[in-house]
C-alpha atoms as a PDB file:
ATOM      1  CA  UNK A   1    -120.463 -42.234  26.458  1.00  0.00           C
ATOM      2  CA  UNK A   2    -116.630 -41.538  26.280  1.00  0.00           C
ATOM      3  CA  UNK A   3    -115.440 -38.599  24.206  1.00  0.00           C
ATOM      4  CA  UNK A   4    -114.932 -38.932  20.576  1.00  0.00           C
ATOM      5  CA  UNK A   5    -116.587 -42.189  19.224  1.00  0.00           C
ATOM      6  CA  UNK A   6    -117.010 -41.944  15.513  1.00  0.00           C
ATOM      7  CA  UNK A   7    -118.846 -44.369  13.192  1.00  0.00           C
ATOM      8  CA  UNK A   8    -117.604 -44.044   9.595  1.00  0.00           C
ATOM      9  CA  UNK A   9    -118.387 -45.497   6.110  1.00  0.00           C
ATOM     10  CA  UNK A  10    -117.020 -44.968   2.671  1.00  0.00           C
ATOM     11  CA  UNK A  11    -118.923 -45.105  -0.598  1.00  0.00           C
ATOM     12  CA  UNK A  12    -117.015 -45.966  -3.720  1.00  0.00           C
ATOM     13  CA  UNK A  13    -117.741 -46.518  -7.308  1.00  0.00           C
ATOM     14  CA  UNK A  14    -115.832 -48.998  -9.469  1.00  0.00           C
ATOM     15  CA  UNK A  15    -114.048 -47.752 -12.421  1.00  0.00           C
ATOM     16  CA  UNK A  16    -116.202 -48.479 -15.594  1.00  0.00           C
ATOM     17  CA  UNK A  17    -113.799 -51.180 -16.984  1.00  0.00           C
ATOM     18  CA  UNK A  18    -113.720 -53.238 -13.769  1.00  0.00           C
ATOM     19  CA  UNK A  19    -116.481 -55.132 -12.077  1.00  0.00           C
ATOM     20  CA  UNK A  20    -114.862 -56.563  -8.846  1.00  0.00           C
ATOM     21  CA  UNK A  21    -115.281 -54.475  -5.680  1.00  0.00           C
ATOM     22  CA  UNK A  22    -111.617 -54.055  -4.658  1.00  0.00           C
ATOM     23  CA  UNK A  23    -109.303 -51.094  -3.986  1.00  0.00           C
ATOM     24  CA  UNK A  24    -107.993 -51.308  -7.519  1.00  0.00           C
ATOM     25  CA  UNK A  25    -111.444 -50.879  -9.054  1.00  0.00           C
ATOM     26  CA  UNK A  26    -112.768 -48.274  -6.599  1.00  0.00           C
ATOM     27  CA  UNK A  27    -112.947 -44.507  -6.367  1.00  0.00           C
ATOM     28  CA  UNK A  28    -113.902 -42.796  -3.130  1.00  0.00           C
ATOM     29  CA  UNK A  29    -117.049 -40.772  -3.651  1.00  0.00           C
ATOM     30  CA  UNK A  30    -118.380 -40.056  -0.175  1.00  0.00           C
ATOM     31  CA  UNK A  31    -117.083 -40.494   3.365  1.00  0.00           C
ATOM     32  CA  UNK A  32    -119.748 -40.127   6.082  1.00  0.00           C
ATOM     33  CA  UNK A  33    -119.299 -39.964   9.835  1.00  0.00           C
ATOM     34  CA  UNK A  34    -121.290 -39.935  12.984  1.00  0.00           C
ATOM     35  CA  UNK A  35    -119.536 -38.433  16.023  1.00  0.00           C
ATOM     36  CA  UNK A  36    -120.725 -38.872  19.544  1.00  0.00           C
ATOM     37  CA  UNK A  37    -118.864 -36.244  21.725  1.00  0.00           C
ATOM     38  CA  UNK A  38    -119.422 -35.424  25.350  1.00  0.00           C
ATOM     39  CA  UNK A  39    -122.342 -33.089  24.690  1.00  0.00           C
ATOM     40  CA  UNK A  40    -123.547 -33.854  21.125  1.00  0.00           C
ATOM     41  CA  UNK A  41    -124.256 -36.228  18.424  1.00  0.00           C
ATOM     42  CA  UNK A  42    -123.432 -35.122  14.795  1.00  0.00           C
ATOM     43  CA  UNK A  43    -123.740 -36.796  11.391  1.00  0.00           C
ATOM     44  CA  UNK A  44    -122.090 -35.367   8.278  1.00  0.00           C
ATOM     45  CA  UNK A  45    -120.418 -36.147   4.997  1.00  0.00           C
ATOM     46  CA  UNK A  46    -116.882 -34.932   4.325  1.00  0.00           C
ATOM     47  CA  UNK A  47    -116.584 -32.551   1.355  1.00  0.00           C
ATOM     48  CA  UNK A  48    -113.750 -32.214  -1.057  1.00  0.00           C
ATOM     49  CA  UNK A  49    -113.036 -31.062  -4.565  1.00  0.00           C
ATOM     50  CA  UNK A  50    -111.084 -34.167  -5.402  1.00  0.00           C
ATOM     51  CA  UNK A  51    -110.737 -37.787  -4.173  1.00  0.00           C
ATOM     52  CA  UNK A  52    -107.401 -36.923  -2.607  1.00  0.00           C
ATOM     53  CA  UNK A  53    -108.817 -33.954  -0.699  1.00  0.00           C
ATOM     54  CA  UNK A  54    -111.765 -36.028   0.425  1.00  0.00           C
ATOM     55  CA  UNK A  55    -109.398 -38.652   1.880  1.00  0.00           C
ATOM     56  CA  UNK A  56    -107.046 -36.096   3.366  1.00  0.00           C
ATOM     57  CA  UNK A  57    -109.820 -34.374   5.297  1.00  0.00           C
ATOM     58  CA  UNK A  58    -110.884 -37.755   6.748  1.00  0.00           C
ATOM     59  CA  UNK A  59    -107.362 -38.290   8.188  1.00  0.00           C
ATOM     60  CA  UNK A  60    -107.170 -34.669   9.344  1.00  0.00           C
ATOM     61  CA  UNK A  61    -110.262 -35.295  11.468  1.00  0.00           C
ATOM     62  CA  UNK A  62    -108.384 -38.196  13.123  1.00  0.00           C
ATOM     63  CA  UNK A  63    -105.331 -36.031  13.552  1.00  0.00           C
ATOM     64  CA  UNK A  64    -107.505 -33.417  15.359  1.00  0.00           C
ATOM     65  CA  UNK A  65    -109.798 -35.577  17.499  1.00  0.00           C
ATOM     66  CA  UNK A  66    -108.299 -39.049  17.807  1.00  0.00           C
ATOM     67  CA  UNK A  67    -111.640 -40.665  18.013  1.00  0.00           C
ATOM     68  CA  UNK A  68    -112.404 -44.326  18.461  1.00  0.00           C
ATOM     69  CA  UNK A  69    -113.475 -45.487  14.977  1.00  0.00           C
ATOM     70  CA  UNK A  70    -116.429 -47.848  14.773  1.00  0.00           C
ATOM     71  CA  UNK A  71    -117.201 -49.531  11.455  1.00  0.00           C
ATOM     72  CA  UNK A  72    -119.033 -52.457   9.845  1.00  0.00           C
ATOM     73  CA  UNK A  73    -116.522 -54.244   7.677  1.00  0.00           C
ATOM     74  CA  UNK A  74    -114.228 -51.229   7.773  1.00  0.00           C
ATOM     75  CA  UNK A  75    -111.199 -53.418   8.134  1.00  0.00           C
ATOM     76  CA  UNK A  76    -112.300 -55.569   5.250  1.00  0.00           C
ATOM     77  CA  UNK A  77    -113.094 -52.798   2.765  1.00  0.00           C
ATOM     78  CA  UNK A  78    -113.476 -49.164   3.725  1.00  0.00           C
ATOM     79  CA  UNK A  79    -110.116 -48.529   5.310  1.00  0.00           C
ATOM     80  CA  UNK A  80    -107.989 -50.507   2.958  1.00  0.00           C
ATOM     81  CA  UNK A  81    -109.538 -48.548   0.119  1.00  0.00           C
ATOM     82  CA  UNK A  82    -108.634 -45.338   1.833  1.00  0.00           C
ATOM     83  CA  UNK A  83    -105.057 -46.656   2.380  1.00  0.00           C
ATOM     84  CA  UNK A  84    -104.368 -47.453  -1.258  1.00  0.00           C
ATOM     85  CA  UNK A  85    -106.198 -44.466  -2.684  1.00  0.00           C
ATOM     86  CA  UNK A  86    -104.483 -42.269  -0.195  1.00  0.00           C
ATOM     87  CA  UNK A  87    -101.081 -43.520  -1.292  1.00  0.00           C
ATOM     88  CA  UNK A  88    -102.044 -42.663  -4.931  1.00  0.00           C
ATOM     89  CA  UNK A  89    -102.918 -39.044  -3.842  1.00  0.00           C
ATOM     90  CA  UNK A  90     -99.917 -38.307  -1.484  1.00  0.00           C
ATOM     91  CA  UNK A  91    -102.198 -38.201   1.543  1.00  0.00           C
ATOM     92  CA  UNK A  92    -100.580 -37.625   4.970  1.00  0.00           C
ATOM     93  CA  UNK A  93    -101.965 -39.510   8.081  1.00  0.00           C
ATOM     94  CA  UNK A  94     -99.332 -39.652  10.781  1.00  0.00           C
ATOM     95  CA  UNK A  95    -101.733 -40.142  13.782  1.00  0.00           C
ATOM     96  CA  UNK A  96    -103.622 -42.913  12.013  1.00  0.00           C
ATOM     97  CA  UNK A  97    -100.511 -44.874  11.239  1.00  0.00           C
ATOM     98  CA  UNK A  98     -98.801 -44.413  14.669  1.00  0.00           C
ATOM     99  CA  UNK A  99     -98.213 -47.727  16.394  1.00  0.00           C
ATOM    100  CA  UNK A 100     -96.270 -46.317  19.309  1.00  0.00           C
ATOM    101  CA  UNK A 101     -93.465 -44.424  17.699  1.00  0.00           C
ATOM    102  CA  UNK A 102     -94.935 -40.910  18.437  1.00  0.00           C
ATOM    103  CA  UNK A 103     -97.284 -41.813  21.231  1.00  0.00           C
ATOM    104  CA  UNK A 104     -96.510 -44.725  23.512  1.00  0.00           C
ATOM    105  CA  UNK A 105    -100.157 -45.369  24.221  1.00  0.00           C
ATOM    106  CA  UNK A 106    -100.637 -46.338  20.527  1.00  0.00           C
ATOM    107  CA  UNK A 107     -98.343 -49.304  21.015  1.00  0.00           C
ATOM    108  CA  UNK A 108    -101.142 -50.997  22.928  1.00  0.00           C
ATOM    109  CA  UNK A 109    -104.187 -49.512  21.205  1.00  0.00           C
ATOM    110  CA  UNK A 110    -103.877 -48.188  17.712  1.00  0.00           C
ATOM    111  CA  UNK A 111    -105.989 -47.984  14.552  1.00  0.00           C
ATOM    112  CA  UNK A 112    -104.022 -50.569  12.602  1.00  0.00           C
ATOM    113  CA  UNK A 113    -104.014 -53.668  14.775  1.00  0.00           C
ATOM    114  CA  UNK A 114    -106.934 -55.934  14.227  1.00  0.00           C
ATOM    115  CA  UNK A 115    -107.574 -56.702  17.833  1.00  0.00           C
ATOM    116  CA  UNK A 116    -107.251 -53.179  19.194  1.00  0.00           C
ATOM    117  CA  UNK A 117    -110.259 -51.065  19.999  1.00  0.00           C
ATOM    118  CA  UNK A 118    -109.165 -47.719  18.598  1.00  0.00           C
ATOM    119  CA  UNK A 119    -110.688 -49.014  15.285  1.00  0.00           C
ATOM    120  CA  UNK A 120    -113.475 -51.396  16.101  1.00  0.00           C
ATOM    121  CA  UNK A 121    -114.786 -53.327  13.129  1.00  0.00           C
ATOM    122  CA  UNK A 122    -118.027 -54.614  14.624  1.00  0.00           C
ATOM    123  CA  UNK A 123    -118.739 -57.059  11.844  1.00  0.00           C
ATOM    124  CA  UNK A 124    -115.281 -58.530  12.188  1.00  0.00           C
ATOM    125  CA  UNK A 125    -115.495 -58.838  15.985  1.00  0.00           C
ATOM    126  CA  UNK A 126    -119.089 -60.154  16.206  1.00  0.00           C
ATOM    127  CA  UNK A 127    -118.238 -62.811  13.708  1.00  0.00           C
ATOM    128  CA  UNK A 128    -115.196 -63.798  15.836  1.00  0.00           C
ATOM    129  CA  UNK A 129    -113.035 -62.952  12.824  1.00  0.00           C
ATOM    130  CA  UNK A 130    -114.691 -65.708  10.718  1.00  0.00           C
ATOM    131  CA  UNK A 131    -115.805 -64.470   7.318  1.00  0.00           C
ATOM    132  CA  UNK A 132    -118.308 -67.273   6.893  1.00  0.00           C
ATOM    133  CA  UNK A 133    -120.124 -65.974  10.050  1.00  0.00           C
ATOM    134  CA  UNK A 134    -120.147 -62.380   8.995  1.00  0.00           C
ATOM    135  CA  UNK A 135    -123.583 -60.678   8.846  1.00  0.00           C
ATOM    136  CA  UNK A 136    -124.419 -57.860   6.390  1.00  0.00           C
ATOM    137  CA  UNK A 137    -125.437 -54.608   8.044  1.00  0.00           C
ATOM    138  CA  UNK A 138    -128.523 -54.471   6.008  1.00  0.00           C
ATOM    139  CA  UNK A 139    -129.739 -57.876   7.333  1.00  0.00           C
ATOM    140  CA  UNK A 140    -128.787 -57.427  10.944  1.00  0.00           C
ATOM    141  CA  UNK A 141    -130.086 -53.850  11.522  1.00  0.00           C
ATOM    142  CA  UNK A 142    -133.778 -54.543  10.732  1.00  0.00           C
ATOM    143  CA  UNK A 143    -133.697 -57.601  13.087  1.00  0.00           C
ATOM    144  CA  UNK A 144    -132.781 -55.232  15.816  1.00  0.00           C
ATOM    145  CA  UNK A 145    -135.550 -52.806  15.123  1.00  0.00           C
ATOM    146  CA  UNK A 146    -133.306 -50.405  13.237  1.00  0.00           C
ATOM    147  CA  UNK A 147    -134.086 -48.982   9.809  1.00  0.00           C
ATOM    148  CA  UNK A 148    -131.232 -50.665   7.932  1.00  0.00           C
ATOM    149  CA  UNK A 149    -130.421 -49.748   4.356  1.00  0.00           C
ATOM    150  CA  UNK A 150    -132.448 -46.827   2.968  1.00  0.00           C
ATOM    151  CA  UNK A 151    -132.577 -45.682  -0.624  1.00  0.00           C
ATOM    152  CA  UNK A 152    -130.016 -48.015  -2.003  1.00  0.00           C
ATOM    153  CA  UNK A 153    -127.289 -50.477  -1.109  1.00  0.00           C
ATOM    154  CA  UNK A 154    -123.604 -50.626  -2.053  1.00  0.00           C
ATOM    155  CA  UNK A 155    -124.245 -52.321  -5.269  1.00  0.00           C
ATOM    156  CA  UNK A 156    -126.299 -49.315  -6.423  1.00  0.00           C
ATOM    157  CA  UNK A 157    -123.653 -46.658  -5.688  1.00  0.00           C
ATOM    158  CA  UNK A 158    -121.881 -46.716  -9.047  1.00  0.00           C
ATOM    159  CA  UNK A 159    -125.108 -46.372 -11.100  1.00  0.00           C
ATOM    160  CA  UNK A 160    -126.287 -43.560  -8.811  1.00  0.00           C
ATOM    161  CA  UNK A 161    -122.934 -41.787  -9.269  1.00  0.00           C
ATOM    162  CA  UNK A 162    -123.128 -42.135 -13.094  1.00  0.00           C
ATOM    163  CA  UNK A 163    -126.562 -40.478 -12.843  1.00  0.00           C
ATOM    164  CA  UNK A 164    -125.183 -37.670 -10.843  1.00  0.00           C
ATOM    165  CA  UNK A 165    -127.082 -38.591  -7.699  1.00  0.00           C
ATOM    166  CA  UNK A 166    -124.382 -37.589  -5.218  1.00  0.00           C
ATOM    167  CA  UNK A 167    -126.937 -36.332  -2.688  1.00  0.00           C
ATOM    168  CA  UNK A 168    -128.667 -39.719  -2.672  1.00  0.00           C
ATOM    169  CA  UNK A 169    -125.293 -41.461  -2.158  1.00  0.00           C
ATOM    170  CA  UNK A 170    -124.506 -39.173   0.702  1.00  0.00           C
ATOM    171  CA  UNK A 171    -127.876 -39.793   2.306  1.00  0.00           C
ATOM    172  CA  UNK A 172    -127.352 -43.597   2.050  1.00  0.00           C
ATOM    173  CA  UNK A 173    -123.891 -43.318   3.665  1.00  0.00           C
ATOM    174  CA  UNK A 174    -125.155 -41.116   6.518  1.00  0.00           C
ATOM    175  CA  UNK A 175    -127.976 -43.472   7.400  1.00  0.00           C
ATOM    176  CA  UNK A 176    -125.474 -46.382   7.297  1.00  0.00           C
ATOM    177  CA  UNK A 177    -123.233 -44.795   9.894  1.00  0.00           C
ATOM    178  CA  UNK A 178    -126.117 -44.126  12.204  1.00  0.00           C
ATOM    179  CA  UNK A 179    -127.211 -47.759  11.923  1.00  0.00           C
ATOM    180  CA  UNK A 180    -123.653 -48.765  12.732  1.00  0.00           C
ATOM    181  CA  UNK A 181    -123.433 -46.437  15.702  1.00  0.00           C
ATOM    182  CA  UNK A 182    -126.789 -47.767  17.173  1.00  0.00           C
ATOM    183  CA  UNK A 183    -125.492 -51.337  16.755  1.00  0.00           C
ATOM    184  CA  UNK A 184    -122.369 -50.208  18.658  1.00  0.00           C
ATOM    185  CA  UNK A 185    -124.598 -48.940  21.519  1.00  0.00           C
ATOM    186  CA  UNK A 186    -126.293 -52.266  21.665  1.00  0.00           C
ATOM    187  CA  UNK A 187    -122.872 -53.979  21.758  1.00  0.00           C
ATOM    188  CA  UNK A 188    -121.834 -51.688  24.568  1.00  0.00           C
ATOM    189  CA  UNK A 189    -124.955 -52.752  26.484  1.00  0.00           C
ATOM    190  CA  UNK A 190    -124.210 -56.420  25.704  1.00  0.00           C
ATOM    191  CA  UNK A 191    -120.674 -56.249  27.130  1.00  0.00           C
ATOM    192  CA  UNK A 192    -121.682 -54.277  30.296  1.00  0.00           C
ATOM    193  CA  UNK A 193    -120.183 -50.887  29.348  1.00  0.00           C
ATOM    194  CA  UNK A 194    -123.632 -49.278  29.321  1.00  0.00           C
ATOM    195  CA  UNK A 195    -126.492 -49.908  31.742  1.00  0.00           C
ATOM    196  CA  UNK A 196    -130.066 -50.160  30.373  1.00  0.00           C
ATOM    197  CA  UNK A 197    -130.608 -46.500  31.587  1.00  0.00           C
ATOM    198  CA  UNK A 198    -127.422 -45.282  29.881  1.00  0.00           C
ATOM    199  CA  UNK A 199    -128.308 -47.249  26.673  1.00  0.00           C
ATOM    200  CA  UNK A 200    -131.687 -45.550  26.568  1.00  0.00           C
ATOM    201  CA  UNK A 201    -130.217 -42.148  27.219  1.00  0.00           C
ATOM    202  CA  UNK A 202    -127.678 -42.571  24.446  1.00  0.00           C
ATOM    203  CA  UNK A 203    -130.487 -43.666  22.030  1.00  0.00           C
ATOM    204  CA  UNK A 204    -132.519 -40.610  23.030  1.00  0.00           C
ATOM    205  CA  UNK A 205    -129.637 -38.319  22.173  1.00  0.00           C
ATOM    206  CA  UNK A 206    -129.430 -39.742  18.685  1.00  0.00           C
ATOM    207  CA  UNK A 207    -133.195 -39.762  18.145  1.00  0.00           C
ATOM    208  CA  UNK A 208    -133.721 -36.271  19.317  1.00  0.00           C
ATOM    209  CA  UNK A 209    -130.834 -35.115  17.119  1.00  0.00           C
ATOM    210  CA  UNK A 210    -132.260 -36.666  14.050  1.00  0.00           C
ATOM    211  CA  UNK A 211    -135.835 -35.421  14.807  1.00  0.00           C
ATOM    212  CA  UNK A 212    -134.579 -31.850  14.528  1.00  0.00           C
ATOM    213  CA  UNK A 213    -133.128 -32.513  11.098  1.00  0.00           C
ATOM    214  CA  UNK A 214    -135.242 -31.400   8.090  1.00  0.00           C
ATOM    215  CA  UNK A 215    -133.878 -33.662   5.443  1.00  0.00           C
ATOM    216  CA  UNK A 216    -136.221 -36.382   4.112  1.00  0.00           C
ATOM    217  CA  UNK A 217    -133.772 -39.335   4.677  1.00  0.00           C
ATOM    218  CA  UNK A 218    -133.756 -38.497   8.445  1.00  0.00           C
ATOM    219  CA  UNK A 219    -137.520 -38.377   8.612  1.00  0.00           C
ATOM    220  CA  UNK A 220    -137.664 -41.743   6.940  1.00  0.00           C
ATOM    221  CA  UNK A 221    -134.912 -43.118   9.299  1.00  0.00           C
ATOM    222  CA  UNK A 222    -136.783 -41.991  12.405  1.00  0.00           C
ATOM    223  CA  UNK A 223    -140.070 -43.346  11.035  1.00  0.00           C
ATOM    224  CA  UNK A 224    -138.596 -46.835  10.599  1.00  0.00           C
ATOM    225  CA  UNK A 225    -136.613 -46.918  13.805  1.00  0.00           C
ATOM    226  CA  UNK A 226    -138.611 -49.372  16.046  1.00  0.00           C
ATOM    227  CA  UNK A 227    -136.042 -50.276  18.698  1.00  0.00           C
END
């Protein structure tokens, strides 16, 4: 696996006066990431005392590592929310927005262009950019033998936030990014980037890492992982 592949997801809660799930009605609560580096696999949630600090730290990670970002509907929701909320909070993200002005390589592969791979929105690509063909992560993952959604889904985040269940939201986000990363591995196998042996080895790295974790949500995740 190439250096620096990160799966990311964002949990938001709508402001109490608005029902629709849009950037205008959303506040960033948790950003969770899974990073596959040369020698390790890590899952964590970004901390921050405020929404602005949380978003800034996400972009600082991109500034430091320049990972390939893998998401599920990240282009349709997660990243646009970070864009708008970041604007509100004076967030700086020069590497993320670079389209070749600072680094010539980014002209041909950047985080912004829909058809570039530096941000790979798996849902968008697998549906061939057709919204009517898009599959929810929670529906596809179990069909592939993966755990899928655990604890809650996106619709339950705001009520959990109101109840002060930040840890539960964090756990939900972290399992989401691992589901996304495992689907990415299957996609890399499908398109010939990984051999069957390499695919198994990558899955073993993830599984062994999660088995070492003591948190209950990882024990549940490993227990429901059948693939």
